[in-house]
Structures are given as structure tokens and as C-alpha cells.
Amino acid sequence: MSDTSTSSESLSADELRALLREAEQALSSAGDSGEQFSDLIARLRAAVGEGRDTLERLREEALRQAKHADQLVRENPYYAIGIAAGVGALIGILVSRTCRD
């Protein structure tokens, strides 16, 4: 993903946190409940919709990357076996050192 989409996703998360804080404040103050809750509900629905869109984009990107990785492994099986063996050996060495300490 590009830097632009990552920053917009983090902004969406920040906006959602702000909306949740506003919701908590609105629930604690019972005086201005009518219009404030309607506005808050509309904004929360919009944030949930954006979150679903972001989740769907992330799911599609993960699927695309998995298919790409599968294609690379099928095209270069010996490289994949070598890399997997190297990573396994490295993990084994690290685990054995950790267990000795």
C-alpha cells in the first residue's frame, strides 16, 4: 500500500477515537441529548462505513499479496525451500540460545 492510503487509514482511526470520546461525553451529559445524539449517530455510521471500506481494501490487498507469493513459490520452488530452511535454521539457533540462557 502507498503512504497516502496508510496515512488516511490512521486518520480514520484517529477520527473514530475522537467520535468515541464524544459519544462518551454525550452519554455522560444528559442535558443536550436530542440533536447531539442524532449528529453523533450519523457520524458514527459514516465512520463504521469507512472502516468497512478500509477493511475490505486491506483484505483484497492481503489476498493479492498471498496470490503473488504463491506464484513466486511455484515459479521458484528451490529458492523457496532454501529460504524456508534458512529461516527455520535461524529460528532454531535463536530458540536454542534463548533456552540455554
N, C-alpha and C. Protein backbone atom coordinates (compact mmCIF):
# COMPACT_ATOMS: atom_id res chain seq x y z
N MET A 1 0.84 -1.18 0.00
CA MET A 1 0.00 0.00 0.00
C MET A 1 0.88 1.23 0.00
N SER A 2 0.34 2.30 -0.48
CA SER A 2 1.12 3.53 -0.55
C SER A 2 1.03 4.28 0.77
N ASP A 3 1.95 5.25 0.91
CA ASP A 3 1.97 6.05 2.13
C ASP A 3 0.70 6.86 2.29
N THR A 4 0.10 7.29 1.16
CA THR A 4 -1.11 8.10 1.23
C THR A 4 -2.25 7.32 1.85
N SER A 5 -2.44 6.06 1.43
CA SER A 5 -3.55 5.29 1.99
C SER A 5 -3.29 4.95 3.45
N THR A 6 -2.04 4.72 3.81
CA THR A 6 -1.72 4.42 5.20
C THR A 6 -2.03 5.60 6.10
N SER A 7 -1.67 6.81 5.66
CA SER A 7 -1.94 7.97 6.49
C SER A 7 -3.42 8.25 6.57
N SER A 8 -4.18 8.00 5.50
CA SER A 8 -5.62 8.22 5.56
C SER A 8 -6.29 7.20 6.46
N GLU A 9 -5.74 5.97 6.51
CA GLU A 9 -6.29 4.96 7.41
C GLU A 9 -6.02 5.32 8.85
N SER A 10 -4.85 5.86 9.15
CA SER A 10 -4.56 6.26 10.53
C SER A 10 -5.41 7.47 10.91
N LEU A 11 -5.67 8.36 9.95
CA LEU A 11 -6.57 9.49 10.24
C LEU A 11 -7.96 8.97 10.55
N SER A 12 -8.42 7.98 9.83
CA SER A 12 -9.73 7.42 10.09
C SER A 12 -9.78 6.82 11.49
N ALA A 13 -8.72 6.16 11.90
CA ALA A 13 -8.68 5.58 13.24
C ALA A 13 -8.69 6.69 14.29
N ASP A 14 -7.95 7.77 14.04
CA ASP A 14 -7.95 8.89 14.97
C ASP A 14 -9.33 9.54 15.04
N GLU A 15 -9.97 9.68 13.89
CA GLU A 15 -11.32 10.26 13.87
C GLU A 15 -12.30 9.37 14.63
N LEU A 16 -12.15 8.06 14.47
CA LEU A 16 -13.04 7.14 15.18
C LEU A 16 -12.83 7.23 16.69
N ARG A 17 -11.57 7.36 17.11
CA ARG A 17 -11.31 7.53 18.55
C ARG A 17 -11.95 8.81 19.07
N ALA A 18 -11.83 9.89 18.27
CA ALA A 18 -12.43 11.16 18.68
C ALA A 18 -13.95 11.02 18.78
N LEU A 19 -14.55 10.33 17.83
CA LEU A 19 -16.01 10.13 17.88
C LEU A 19 -16.41 9.31 19.11
N LEU A 20 -15.62 8.32 19.45
CA LEU A 20 -15.93 7.52 20.63
C LEU A 20 -15.82 8.37 21.90
N ARG A 21 -14.81 9.25 21.94
CA ARG A 21 -14.71 10.15 23.10
C ARG A 21 -15.92 11.07 23.19
N GLU A 22 -16.35 11.59 22.03
CA GLU A 22 -17.53 12.45 22.01
C GLU A 22 -18.77 11.67 22.44
N ALA A 23 -18.85 10.42 22.03
CA ALA A 23 -20.00 9.59 22.43
C ALA A 23 -20.03 9.41 23.94
N GLU A 24 -18.87 9.16 24.52
CA GLU A 24 -18.80 9.01 25.98
C GLU A 24 -19.22 10.30 26.68
N GLN A 25 -18.75 11.43 26.15
CA GLN A 25 -19.12 12.71 26.74
C GLN A 25 -20.61 12.97 26.60
N ALA A 26 -21.16 12.64 25.42
CA ALA A 26 -22.59 12.86 25.19
C ALA A 26 -23.43 11.99 26.11
N LEU A 27 -22.99 10.77 26.33
CA LEU A 27 -23.73 9.89 27.22
C LEU A 27 -23.67 10.37 28.67
N SER A 28 -22.56 10.98 29.04
CA SER A 28 -22.44 11.44 30.41
C SER A 28 -23.23 12.72 30.67
N SER A 29 -23.45 13.53 29.61
CA SER A 29 -24.25 14.75 29.80
C SER A 29 -25.65 14.52 29.23
N ALA A 30 -26.64 14.50 30.09
CA ALA A 30 -28.00 14.19 29.67
C ALA A 30 -28.76 15.42 29.18
N GLY A 31 -28.24 16.61 29.35
CA GLY A 31 -28.96 17.84 29.02
C GLY A 31 -29.19 18.07 27.54
N ASP A 32 -28.19 17.91 26.68
CA ASP A 32 -28.28 18.24 25.27
C ASP A 32 -28.44 16.99 24.41
N SER A 33 -29.25 16.06 24.81
CA SER A 33 -29.25 14.74 24.20
C SER A 33 -29.84 14.68 22.79
N GLY A 34 -30.88 15.40 22.45
CA GLY A 34 -31.61 15.23 21.20
C GLY A 34 -30.80 15.35 19.92
N GLU A 35 -30.48 16.55 19.53
CA GLU A 35 -29.78 16.79 18.27
C GLU A 35 -28.34 16.30 18.32
N GLN A 36 -27.73 16.37 19.49
CA GLN A 36 -26.34 15.95 19.65
C GLN A 36 -26.21 14.45 19.35
N PHE A 37 -27.16 13.64 19.85
CA PHE A 37 -27.12 12.21 19.59
C PHE A 37 -27.39 11.91 18.12
N SER A 38 -28.31 12.61 17.49
CA SER A 38 -28.59 12.38 16.08
C SER A 38 -27.35 12.64 15.23
N ASP A 39 -26.65 13.74 15.51
CA ASP A 39 -25.43 14.07 14.78
C ASP A 39 -24.36 13.03 15.05
N LEU A 40 -24.22 12.63 16.30
CA LEU A 40 -23.21 11.65 16.68
C LEU A 40 -23.48 10.30 16.02
N ILE A 41 -24.74 9.88 16.00
CA ILE A 41 -25.10 8.61 15.37
C ILE A 41 -24.77 8.64 13.88
N ALA A 42 -25.09 9.75 13.22
CA ALA A 42 -24.78 9.87 11.79
C ALA A 42 -23.28 9.80 11.55
N ARG A 43 -22.50 10.46 12.38
CA ARG A 43 -21.05 10.44 12.21
C ARG A 43 -20.47 9.07 12.52
N LEU A 44 -21.00 8.39 13.53
CA LEU A 44 -20.54 7.04 13.84
C LEU A 44 -20.87 6.07 12.71
N ARG A 45 -22.05 6.20 12.12
CA ARG A 45 -22.41 5.34 10.98
C ARG A 45 -21.46 5.58 9.82
N ALA A 46 -21.12 6.84 9.56
CA ALA A 46 -20.17 7.16 8.48
C ALA A 46 -18.80 6.56 8.79
N ALA A 47 -18.36 6.66 10.04
CA ALA A 47 -17.07 6.11 10.43
C ALA A 47 -17.04 4.59 10.29
N VAL A 48 -18.14 3.93 10.67
CA VAL A 48 -18.23 2.48 10.53
C VAL A 48 -18.19 2.09 9.06
N GLY A 49 -18.88 2.86 8.21
CA GLY A 49 -18.86 2.59 6.78
C GLY A 49 -17.46 2.74 6.20
N GLU A 50 -16.75 3.79 6.61
CA GLU A 50 -15.37 3.97 6.17
C GLU A 50 -14.48 2.83 6.67
N GLY A 51 -14.72 2.41 7.89
CA GLY A 51 -13.94 1.30 8.45
C GLY A 51 -14.17 0.02 7.67
N ARG A 52 -15.38 -0.24 7.27
CA ARG A 52 -15.68 -1.42 6.46
C ARG A 52 -14.98 -1.34 5.11
N ASP A 53 -14.99 -0.15 4.50
CA ASP A 53 -14.31 0.03 3.22
C ASP A 53 -12.81 -0.21 3.37
N THR A 54 -12.23 0.33 4.44
CA THR A 54 -10.80 0.14 4.68
C THR A 54 -10.48 -1.33 4.92
N LEU A 55 -11.31 -2.00 5.69
CA LEU A 55 -11.11 -3.42 5.96
C LEU A 55 -11.18 -4.23 4.67
N GLU A 56 -12.12 -3.91 3.81
CA GLU A 56 -12.26 -4.61 2.54
C GLU A 56 -11.03 -4.38 1.66
N ARG A 57 -10.53 -3.13 1.62
CA ARG A 57 -9.32 -2.85 0.83
C ARG A 57 -8.13 -3.63 1.37
N LEU A 58 -8.00 -3.68 2.69
CA LEU A 58 -6.90 -4.43 3.30
C LEU A 58 -7.01 -5.92 3.02
N ARG A 59 -8.22 -6.43 3.06
CA ARG A 59 -8.44 -7.86 2.76
C ARG A 59 -8.07 -8.16 1.32
N GLU A 60 -8.48 -7.30 0.40
CA GLU A 60 -8.16 -7.50 -1.01
C GLU A 60 -6.65 -7.43 -1.24
N GLU A 61 -5.98 -6.49 -0.59
CA GLU A 61 -4.53 -6.35 -0.72
C GLU A 61 -3.82 -7.58 -0.17
N ALA A 62 -4.27 -8.10 0.97
CA ALA A 62 -3.66 -9.29 1.56
C ALA A 62 -3.85 -10.49 0.63
N LEU A 63 -5.02 -10.62 0.05
CA LEU A 63 -5.29 -11.71 -0.89
C LEU A 63 -4.40 -11.59 -2.12
N ARG A 64 -4.24 -10.37 -2.63
CA ARG A 64 -3.40 -10.15 -3.80
C ARG A 64 -1.95 -10.50 -3.48
N GLN A 65 -1.47 -10.10 -2.31
CA GLN A 65 -0.10 -10.41 -1.92
C GLN A 65 0.10 -11.91 -1.72
N ALA A 66 -0.90 -12.60 -1.16
CA ALA A 66 -0.80 -14.04 -0.97
C ALA A 66 -0.74 -14.76 -2.31
N LYS A 67 -1.54 -14.32 -3.27
CA LYS A 67 -1.50 -14.92 -4.61
C LYS A 67 -0.15 -14.68 -5.28
N HIS A 68 0.39 -13.48 -5.08
CA HIS A 68 1.70 -13.16 -5.65
C HIS A 68 2.78 -14.04 -5.03
N ALA A 69 2.74 -14.22 -3.72
CA ALA A 69 3.71 -15.08 -3.03
C ALA A 69 3.58 -16.52 -3.51
N ASP A 70 2.36 -16.99 -3.68
CA ASP A 70 2.12 -18.35 -4.17
C ASP A 70 2.71 -18.52 -5.57
N GLN A 71 2.51 -17.53 -6.41
CA GLN A 71 3.05 -17.57 -7.77
C GLN A 71 4.58 -17.63 -7.74
N LEU A 72 5.21 -16.81 -6.90
CA LEU A 72 6.67 -16.81 -6.80
C LEU A 72 7.20 -18.15 -6.31
N VAL A 73 6.52 -18.76 -5.35
CA VAL A 73 6.95 -20.06 -4.83
C VAL A 73 6.81 -21.12 -5.91
N ARG A 74 5.73 -21.08 -6.68
CA ARG A 74 5.54 -22.07 -7.75
C ARG A 74 6.56 -21.89 -8.87
N GLU A 75 6.96 -20.66 -9.14
CA GLU A 75 7.93 -20.40 -10.19
C GLU A 75 9.36 -20.73 -9.73
N ASN A 76 9.64 -20.59 -8.45
CA ASN A 76 10.99 -20.80 -7.91
C ASN A 76 10.94 -21.70 -6.68
N PRO A 77 10.60 -22.98 -6.85
CA PRO A 77 10.42 -23.83 -5.66
C PRO A 77 11.72 -24.05 -4.89
N TYR A 78 12.87 -24.16 -5.57
CA TYR A 78 14.11 -24.41 -4.86
C TYR A 78 14.55 -23.21 -4.03
N TYR A 79 14.32 -22.02 -4.55
CA TYR A 79 14.62 -20.82 -3.77
C TYR A 79 13.73 -20.76 -2.53
N ALA A 80 12.47 -21.10 -2.72
CA ALA A 80 11.53 -21.07 -1.59
C ALA A 80 11.93 -22.08 -0.52
N ILE A 81 12.36 -23.27 -0.96
CA ILE A 81 12.79 -24.30 0.01
C ILE A 81 14.04 -23.82 0.73
N GLY A 82 14.96 -23.22 0.01
CA GLY A 82 16.20 -22.72 0.61
C GLY A 82 15.93 -21.62 1.62
N ILE A 83 15.07 -20.69 1.26
CA ILE A 83 14.73 -19.60 2.17
C ILE A 83 14.03 -20.14 3.42
N ALA A 84 13.09 -21.07 3.21
CA ALA A 84 12.38 -21.65 4.35
C ALA A 84 13.34 -22.40 5.27
N ALA A 85 14.28 -23.13 4.69
CA ALA A 85 15.26 -23.86 5.51
C ALA A 85 16.15 -22.89 6.27
N GLY A 86 16.58 -21.82 5.61
CA GLY A 86 17.42 -20.81 6.28
C GLY A 86 16.69 -20.14 7.42
N VAL A 87 15.44 -19.76 7.20
CA VAL A 87 14.65 -19.12 8.26
C VAL A 87 14.43 -20.10 9.40
N GLY A 88 14.15 -21.36 9.07
CA GLY A 88 13.96 -22.37 10.12
C GLY A 88 15.22 -22.58 10.94
N ALA A 89 16.37 -22.62 10.26
CA ALA A 89 17.64 -22.79 10.98
C ALA A 89 17.91 -21.58 11.88
N LEU A 90 17.65 -20.38 11.37
CA LEU A 90 17.85 -19.17 12.17
C LEU A 90 16.96 -19.18 13.41
N ILE A 91 15.71 -19.54 13.24
CA ILE A 91 14.78 -19.60 14.38
C ILE A 91 15.26 -20.66 15.37
N GLY A 92 15.72 -21.81 14.86
CA GLY A 92 16.23 -22.86 15.74
C GLY A 92 17.42 -22.41 16.56
N ILE A 93 18.33 -21.68 15.91
CA ILE A 93 19.51 -21.17 16.62
C ILE A 93 19.09 -20.18 17.70
N LEU A 94 18.18 -19.26 17.35
CA LEU A 94 17.73 -18.26 18.32
C LEU A 94 17.01 -18.90 19.49
N VAL A 95 16.18 -19.89 19.23
CA VAL A 95 15.44 -20.56 20.29
C VAL A 95 16.39 -21.35 21.19
N SER A 96 17.37 -22.01 20.58
CA SER A 96 18.30 -22.79 21.40
C SER A 96 19.15 -21.88 22.28
N ARG A 97 19.54 -20.71 21.79
CA ARG A 97 20.30 -19.76 22.61
C ARG A 97 19.44 -19.23 23.74
N THR A 98 18.17 -18.96 23.45
CA THR A 98 17.25 -18.44 24.47
C THR A 98 17.03 -19.50 25.56
N CYS A 99 16.90 -20.75 25.17
CA CYS A 99 16.67 -21.81 26.15
C CYS A 99 17.88 -22.04 27.04
N ARG A 100 19.09 -21.83 26.51
CA ARG A 100 20.31 -22.01 27.30
C ARG A 100 20.44 -20.92 28.36
N ASP A 101 19.96 -19.73 28.06
CA ASP A 101 20.08 -18.61 28.99
C ASP A 101 19.07 -18.75 30.06
